[in-house]
PDB file of all heavy atoms in Angstrom:
ATOM      1  N   GLY A   1       5.542   1.615  -9.094  1.00  0.00           N
ATOM      2  CA  GLY A   1       6.493   0.511  -9.158  1.00  0.00           C
ATOM      3  C   GLY A   1       7.657   0.838 -10.076  1.00  0.00           C
ATOM      4  O   GLY A   1       7.592   1.790 -10.860  1.00  0.00           O
ATOM      5  N   GLU A   2       8.707   0.029  -9.996  1.00  0.00           N
ATOM      6  CA  GLU A   2       9.827   0.175 -10.930  1.00  0.00           C
ATOM      7  C   GLU A   2       9.362  -0.113 -12.361  1.00  0.00           C
ATOM      8  O   GLU A   2      10.021   0.268 -13.324  1.00  0.00           O
ATOM      9  CB  GLU A   2      10.959  -0.781 -10.531  1.00  0.00           C
ATOM     10  CG  GLU A   2      11.640  -0.349  -9.254  1.00  0.00           C
ATOM     11  CD  GLU A   2      12.581  -1.389  -8.663  1.00  0.00           C
ATOM     12  OE1 GLU A   2      12.475  -2.588  -9.002  1.00  0.00           O
ATOM     13  OE2 GLU A   2      13.421  -0.994  -7.838  1.00  0.00           O
ATOM     14  N   ASN A   3       8.194  -0.765 -12.484  1.00  0.00           N
ATOM     15  CA  ASN A   3       7.589  -1.015 -13.810  1.00  0.00           C
ATOM     16  C   ASN A   3       6.826   0.204 -14.331  1.00  0.00           C
ATOM     17  O   ASN A   3       6.146   0.107 -15.348  1.00  0.00           O
ATOM     18  CB  ASN A   3       6.650  -2.225 -13.724  1.00  0.00           C
ATOM     19  CG  ASN A   3       5.532  -2.022 -12.699  1.00  0.00           C
ATOM     20  OD1 ASN A   3       5.387  -0.934 -12.133  1.00  0.00           O
ATOM     21  ND2 ASN A   3       4.756  -3.049 -12.449  1.00  0.00           N
ATOM     22  N   ARG A   4       6.924   1.340 -13.613  1.00  0.00           N
ATOM     23  CA  ARG A   4       6.285   2.621 -13.972  1.00  0.00           C
ATOM     24  C   ARG A   4       4.771   2.605 -13.834  1.00  0.00           C
ATOM     25  O   ARG A   4       4.105   3.533 -14.265  1.00  0.00           O
ATOM     26  CB  ARG A   4       6.636   3.075 -15.415  1.00  0.00           C
ATOM     27  CG  ARG A   4       8.091   2.994 -15.810  1.00  0.00           C
ATOM     28  CD  ARG A   4       9.016   3.774 -14.914  1.00  0.00           C
ATOM     29  NE  ARG A   4       8.814   5.208 -14.975  1.00  0.00           N
ATOM     30  CZ  ARG A   4       9.106   6.048 -13.968  1.00  0.00           C
ATOM     31  NH1 ARG A   4       9.551   5.577 -12.829  1.00  0.00           N
ATOM     32  NH2 ARG A   4       8.915   7.335 -14.104  1.00  0.00           N
ATOM     33  N   LYS A   5       4.194   1.560 -13.254  1.00  0.00           N
ATOM     34  CA  LYS A   5       2.742   1.540 -13.030  1.00  0.00           C
ATOM     35  C   LYS A   5       2.419   2.350 -11.776  1.00  0.00           C
ATOM     36  O   LYS A   5       3.104   2.245 -10.766  1.00  0.00           O
ATOM     37  CB  LYS A   5       2.242   0.098 -12.872  1.00  0.00           C
ATOM     38  CG  LYS A   5       2.271  -0.676 -14.183  1.00  0.00           C
ATOM     39  CD  LYS A   5       1.171  -1.727 -14.193  1.00  0.00           C
ATOM     40  CE  LYS A   5       0.990  -2.304 -15.596  1.00  0.00           C
ATOM     41  NZ  LYS A   5       2.012  -3.295 -15.940  1.00  0.00           N
ATOM     42  N   LEU A   6       1.350   3.146 -11.865  1.00  0.00           N
ATOM     43  CA  LEU A   6       0.950   4.028 -10.768  1.00  0.00           C
ATOM     44  C   LEU A   6      -0.398   3.580 -10.216  1.00  0.00           C
ATOM     45  O   LEU A   6      -1.315   3.289 -10.975  1.00  0.00           O
ATOM     46  CB  LEU A   6       0.837   5.471 -11.302  1.00  0.00           C
ATOM     47  CG  LEU A   6       0.171   6.518 -10.399  1.00  0.00           C
ATOM     48  CD1 LEU A   6       1.049   6.843  -9.202  1.00  0.00           C
ATOM     49  CD2 LEU A   6      -0.112   7.788 -11.193  1.00  0.00           C
ATOM     50  N   ALA A   7      -0.499   3.498  -8.903  1.00  0.00           N
ATOM     51  CA  ALA A   7      -1.790   3.223  -8.259  1.00  0.00           C
ATOM     52  C   ALA A   7      -2.092   4.377  -7.311  1.00  0.00           C
ATOM     53  O   ALA A   7      -1.192   4.887  -6.637  1.00  0.00           O
ATOM     54  CB  ALA A   7      -1.726   1.910  -7.482  1.00  0.00           C
ATOM     55  N   ILE A   8      -3.349   4.803  -7.277  1.00  0.00           N
ATOM     56  CA  ILE A   8      -3.771   5.881  -6.372  1.00  0.00           C
ATOM     57  C   ILE A   8      -5.043   5.436  -5.668  1.00  0.00           C
ATOM     58  O   ILE A   8      -5.970   4.949  -6.309  1.00  0.00           O
ATOM     59  CB  ILE A   8      -4.052   7.192  -7.148  1.00  0.00           C
ATOM     60  CG1 ILE A   8      -2.748   7.712  -7.771  1.00  0.00           C
ATOM     61  CG2 ILE A   8      -4.681   8.246  -6.240  1.00  0.00           C
ATOM     62  CD1 ILE A   8      -2.894   9.003  -8.544  1.00  0.00           C
ATOM     63  N   TYR A   9      -5.085   5.550  -4.348  1.00  0.00           N
ATOM     64  CA  TYR A   9      -6.317   5.246  -3.633  1.00  0.00           C
ATOM     65  C   TYR A   9      -6.372   5.968  -2.291  1.00  0.00           C
ATOM     66  O   TYR A   9      -5.358   6.507  -1.816  1.00  0.00           O
ATOM     67  CB  TYR A   9      -6.518   3.737  -3.462  1.00  0.00           C
ATOM     68  CG  TYR A   9      -5.331   2.974  -2.954  1.00  0.00           C
ATOM     69  CD1 TYR A   9      -5.087   2.842  -1.597  1.00  0.00           C
ATOM     70  CD2 TYR A   9      -4.459   2.358  -3.842  1.00  0.00           C
ATOM     71  CE1 TYR A   9      -4.002   2.131  -1.142  1.00  0.00           C
ATOM     72  CE2 TYR A   9      -3.373   1.637  -3.386  1.00  0.00           C
ATOM     73  CZ  TYR A   9      -3.145   1.526  -2.039  1.00  0.00           C
ATOM     74  OH  TYR A   9      -2.065   0.827  -1.585  1.00  0.00           O
ATOM     75  N   PRO A  10      -7.564   6.008  -1.672  1.00  0.00           N
ATOM     76  CA  PRO A  10      -7.722   6.761  -0.423  1.00  0.00           C
ATOM     77  C   PRO A  10      -6.796   6.245   0.677  1.00  0.00           C
ATOM     78  O   PRO A  10      -6.619   5.038   0.842  1.00  0.00           O
ATOM     79  CB  PRO A  10      -9.187   6.527  -0.050  1.00  0.00           C
ATOM     80  CG  PRO A  10      -9.863   6.185  -1.334  1.00  0.00           C
ATOM     81  CD  PRO A  10      -8.847   5.440  -2.135  1.00  0.00           C
ATOM     82  N   ILE A  11      -6.248   7.187   1.404  1.00  0.00           N
ATOM     83  CA  ILE A  11      -5.271   6.863   2.441  1.00  0.00           C
ATOM     84  C   ILE A  11      -5.905   6.055   3.575  1.00  0.00           C
ATOM     85  O   ILE A  11      -5.225   5.284   4.243  1.00  0.00           O
ATOM     86  CB  ILE A  11      -4.627   8.174   2.947  1.00  0.00           C
ATOM     87  CG1 ILE A  11      -3.193   7.940   3.336  1.00  0.00           C
ATOM     88  CG2 ILE A  11      -5.426   8.838   4.021  1.00  0.00           C
ATOM     89  CD1 ILE A  11      -2.390   9.206   3.424  1.00  0.00           C
ATOM     90  N   ASP A  12      -7.224   6.226   3.760  1.00  0.00           N
ATOM     91  CA  ASP A  12      -7.851   5.494   4.870  1.00  0.00           C
ATOM     92  C   ASP A  12      -7.995   3.997   4.566  1.00  0.00           C
ATOM     93  O   ASP A  12      -8.436   3.229   5.410  1.00  0.00           O
ATOM     94  CB  ASP A  12      -9.190   6.122   5.295  1.00  0.00           C
ATOM     95  CG  ASP A  12     -10.159   6.292   4.140  1.00  0.00           C
ATOM     96  OD1 ASP A  12      -9.965   5.631   3.102  1.00  0.00           O
ATOM     97  OD2 ASP A  12     -11.104   7.093   4.284  1.00  0.00           O
ATOM     98  N   GLN A  13      -7.603   3.573   3.363  1.00  0.00           N
ATOM     99  CA  GLN A  13      -7.565   2.134   3.065  1.00  0.00           C
ATOM    100  C   GLN A  13      -6.262   1.483   3.538  1.00  0.00           C
ATOM    101  O   GLN A  13      -6.129   0.264   3.504  1.00  0.00           O
ATOM    102  CB  GLN A  13      -7.739   1.903   1.555  1.00  0.00           C
ATOM    103  CG  GLN A  13      -9.138   2.243   1.068  1.00  0.00           C
ATOM    104  CD  GLN A  13      -9.313   1.954  -0.414  1.00  0.00           C
ATOM    105  OE1 GLN A  13      -8.504   1.283  -1.047  1.00  0.00           O
ATOM    106  NE2 GLN A  13     -10.399   2.471  -0.971  1.00  0.00           N
ATOM    107  N   VAL A  14      -5.308   2.313   3.960  1.00  0.00           N
ATOM    108  CA  VAL A  14      -4.035   1.774   4.459  1.00  0.00           C
ATOM    109  C   VAL A  14      -4.173   1.556   5.964  1.00  0.00           C
ATOM    110  O   VAL A  14      -4.435   2.501   6.705  1.00  0.00           O
ATOM    111  CB  VAL A  14      -2.872   2.757   4.180  1.00  0.00           C
ATOM    112  CG1 VAL A  14      -1.552   2.164   4.643  1.00  0.00           C
ATOM    113  CG2 VAL A  14      -2.823   3.125   2.700  1.00  0.00           C
ATOM    114  N   PRO A  15      -4.029   0.310   6.443  1.00  0.00           N
ATOM    115  CA  PRO A  15      -4.262   0.046   7.863  1.00  0.00           C
ATOM    116  C   PRO A  15      -3.168   0.617   8.769  1.00  0.00           C
ATOM    117  O   PRO A  15      -2.027   0.797   8.339  1.00  0.00           O
ATOM    118  CB  PRO A  15      -4.256  -1.480   7.946  1.00  0.00           C
ATOM    119  CG  PRO A  15      -3.393  -1.913   6.811  1.00  0.00           C
ATOM    120  CD  PRO A  15      -3.612  -0.906   5.719  1.00  0.00           C
ATOM    121  N   HIS A  16      -3.547   0.892  10.002  1.00  0.00           N
ATOM    122  CA  HIS A  16      -2.589   1.265  11.046  1.00  0.00           C
ATOM    123  C   HIS A  16      -2.170   0.003  11.784  1.00  0.00           C
ATOM    124  O   HIS A  16      -3.017  -0.800  12.164  1.00  0.00           O
ATOM    125  CB  HIS A  16      -3.221   2.244  12.041  1.00  0.00           C
ATOM    126  CG  HIS A  16      -3.119   3.666  11.605  1.00  0.00           C
ATOM    127  ND1 HIS A  16      -3.969   4.221  10.674  1.00  0.00           N
ATOM    128  CD2 HIS A  16      -2.237   4.641  11.950  1.00  0.00           C
ATOM    129  CE1 HIS A  16      -3.630   5.493  10.480  1.00  0.00           C
ATOM    130  NE2 HIS A  16      -2.584   5.769  11.234  1.00  0.00           N
ATOM    131  N   MET A  17      -0.879  -0.167  11.991  1.00  0.00           N
ATOM    132  CA  MET A  17      -0.369  -1.311  12.732  1.00  0.00           C
ATOM    133  C   MET A  17       0.787  -0.827  13.599  1.00  0.00           C
ATOM    134  O   MET A  17       1.306   0.267  13.393  1.00  0.00           O
ATOM    135  CB  MET A  17       0.136  -2.393  11.762  1.00  0.00           C
ATOM    136  CG  MET A  17      -0.940  -2.927  10.825  1.00  0.00           C
ATOM    137  SD  MET A  17      -0.266  -3.998   9.516  1.00  0.00           S
ATOM    138  CE  MET A  17       0.027  -5.493  10.419  1.00  0.00           C
ATOM    139  N   THR A  18       1.183  -1.643  14.555  1.00  0.00           N
ATOM    140  CA  THR A  18       2.377  -1.314  15.335  1.00  0.00           C
ATOM    141  C   THR A  18       3.511  -2.262  14.979  1.00  0.00           C
ATOM    142  O   THR A  18       4.672  -1.994  15.270  1.00  0.00           O
ATOM    143  CB  THR A  18       2.109  -1.404  16.847  1.00  0.00           C
ATOM    144  OG1 THR A  18       1.525  -2.684  17.130  1.00  0.00           O
ATOM    145  CG2 THR A  18       1.159  -0.314  17.298  1.00  0.00           C
ATOM    146  N   ARG A  19       3.171  -3.376  14.312  1.00  0.00           N
ATOM    147  CA  ARG A  19       4.193  -4.317  13.871  1.00  0.00           C
ATOM    148  C   ARG A  19       3.574  -5.283  12.874  1.00  0.00           C
ATOM    149  O   ARG A  19       2.424  -5.678  13.017  1.00  0.00           O
ATOM    150  CB  ARG A  19       4.729  -5.105  15.071  1.00  0.00           C
ATOM    151  CG  ARG A  19       5.799  -6.127  14.696  1.00  0.00           C
ATOM    152  CD  ARG A  19       6.076  -7.083  15.839  1.00  0.00           C
ATOM    153  NE  ARG A  19       6.841  -8.207  15.336  1.00  0.00           N
ATOM    154  CZ  ARG A  19       8.095  -8.487  15.695  1.00  0.00           C
ATOM    155  NH1 ARG A  19       8.715  -7.732  16.556  1.00  0.00           N
ATOM    156  NH2 ARG A  19       8.715  -9.529  15.186  1.00  0.00           N
ATOM    157  N   GLY A  20       4.333  -5.660  11.855  1.00  0.00           N
ATOM    158  CA  GLY A  20       3.838  -6.673  10.931  1.00  0.00           C
ATOM    159  C   GLY A  20       4.421  -6.521   9.543  1.00  0.00           C
ATOM    160  O   GLY A  20       5.272  -5.670   9.298  1.00  0.00           O
ATOM    161  N   LYS A  21       3.948  -7.395   8.641  1.00  0.00           N
ATOM    162  CA  LYS A  21       4.384  -7.345   7.240  1.00  0.00           C
ATOM    163  C   LYS A  21       3.635  -6.266   6.490  1.00  0.00           C
ATOM    164  O   LYS A  21       4.089  -5.777   5.454  1.00  0.00           O
ATOM    165  CB  LYS A  21       4.098  -8.688   6.563  1.00  0.00           C
ATOM    166  CG  LYS A  21       5.188  -9.706   6.742  1.00  0.00           C
ATOM    167  CD  LYS A  21       4.965 -10.886   5.815  1.00  0.00           C
ATOM    168  CE  LYS A  21       6.216 -11.734   5.757  1.00  0.00           C
ATOM    169  NZ  LYS A  21       6.053 -12.967   5.000  1.00  0.00           N
ATOM    170  N   GLY A  22       2.452  -5.933   6.986  1.00  0.00           N
ATOM    171  CA  GLY A  22       1.629  -4.950   6.301  1.00  0.00           C
ATOM    172  C   GLY A  22       0.757  -5.607   5.248  1.00  0.00           C
ATOM    173  O   GLY A  22       0.694  -6.829   5.144  1.00  0.00           O
ATOM    174  N   VAL A  23       0.092  -4.775   4.473  1.00  0.00           N
ATOM    175  CA  VAL A  23      -0.794  -5.266   3.413  1.00  0.00           C
ATOM    176  C   VAL A  23      -0.170  -4.916   2.071  1.00  0.00           C
ATOM    177  O   VAL A  23       0.698  -4.054   1.973  1.00  0.00           O
ATOM    178  CB  VAL A  23      -2.206  -4.638   3.519  1.00  0.00           C
ATOM    179  CG1 VAL A  23      -2.857  -5.012   4.835  1.00  0.00           C
ATOM    180  CG2 VAL A  23      -2.154  -3.121   3.364  1.00  0.00           C
ATOM    181  N   ARG A  24      -0.637  -5.578   1.041  1.00  0.00           N
ATOM    182  CA  ARG A  24      -0.107  -5.353  -0.305  1.00  0.00           C
ATOM    183  C   ARG A  24      -0.661  -4.027  -0.828  1.00  0.00           C
ATOM    184  O   ARG A  24      -1.837  -3.931  -1.144  1.00  0.00           O
ATOM    185  CB  ARG A  24      -0.556  -6.518  -1.188  1.00  0.00           C
ATOM    186  CG  ARG A  24      -0.075  -6.448  -2.587  1.00  0.00           C
ATOM    187  CD  ARG A  24       1.369  -6.819  -2.761  1.00  0.00           C
ATOM    188  NE  ARG A  24       1.626  -8.240  -2.537  1.00  0.00           N
ATOM    189  CZ  ARG A  24       2.850  -8.749  -2.456  1.00  0.00           C
ATOM    190  NH1 ARG A  24       3.903  -7.954  -2.551  1.00  0.00           N
ATOM    191  NH2 ARG A  24       3.029 -10.034  -2.267  1.00  0.00           N
ATOM    192  N   LEU A  25       0.179  -3.002  -0.886  1.00  0.00           N
ATOM    193  CA  LEU A  25      -0.264  -1.693  -1.369  1.00  0.00           C
ATOM    194  C   LEU A  25      -0.183  -1.624  -2.894  1.00  0.00           C
ATOM    195  O   LEU A  25      -0.928  -0.897  -3.525  1.00  0.00           O
ATOM    196  CB  LEU A  25       0.592  -0.584  -0.745  1.00  0.00           C
ATOM    197  CG  LEU A  25       0.531  -0.498   0.787  1.00  0.00           C
ATOM    198  CD1 LEU A  25       1.522   0.529   1.307  1.00  0.00           C
ATOM    199  CD2 LEU A  25      -0.871  -0.170   1.257  1.00  0.00           C
ATOM    200  N   GLN A  26       0.740  -2.374  -3.468  1.00  0.00           N
ATOM    201  CA  GLN A  26       0.827  -2.501  -4.922  1.00  0.00           C
ATOM    202  C   GLN A  26       1.515  -3.827  -5.220  1.00  0.00           C
ATOM    203  O   GLN A  26       2.425  -4.227  -4.503  1.00  0.00           O
ATOM    204  CB  GLN A  26       1.625  -1.342  -5.545  1.00  0.00           C
ATOM    205  CG  GLN A  26       1.475  -1.258  -7.065  1.00  0.00           C
ATOM    206  CD  GLN A  26       2.228  -0.080  -7.676  1.00  0.00           C
ATOM    207  OE1 GLN A  26       3.192   0.407  -7.115  1.00  0.00           O
ATOM    208  NE2 GLN A  26       1.796   0.372  -8.838  1.00  0.00           N
ATOM    209  N   LYS A  27       1.039  -4.500  -6.275  1.00  0.00           N
ATOM    210  CA  LYS A  27       1.572  -5.824  -6.618  1.00  0.00           C
ATOM    211  C   LYS A  27       2.505  -5.714  -7.816  1.00  0.00           C
ATOM    212  O   LYS A  27       2.218  -4.980  -8.757  1.00  0.00           O
ATOM    213  CB  LYS A  27       0.394  -6.751  -6.954  1.00  0.00           C
ATOM    214  CG  LYS A  27       0.669  -8.204  -6.656  1.00  0.00           C
ATOM    215  CD  LYS A  27      -0.584  -9.035  -6.873  1.00  0.00           C
ATOM    216  CE  LYS A  27      -0.188 -10.490  -6.853  1.00  0.00           C
ATOM    217  NZ  LYS A  27      -0.737 -11.272  -5.807  1.00  0.00           N
TER     218      LYS A  27
END
């Protein structure tokens, strides 16, 4: 983030979509 906080997690937790807002990857 612009707040310099770093998050790391497995890529398979990121969903596949063809359209949408997506999921919150970092808050």
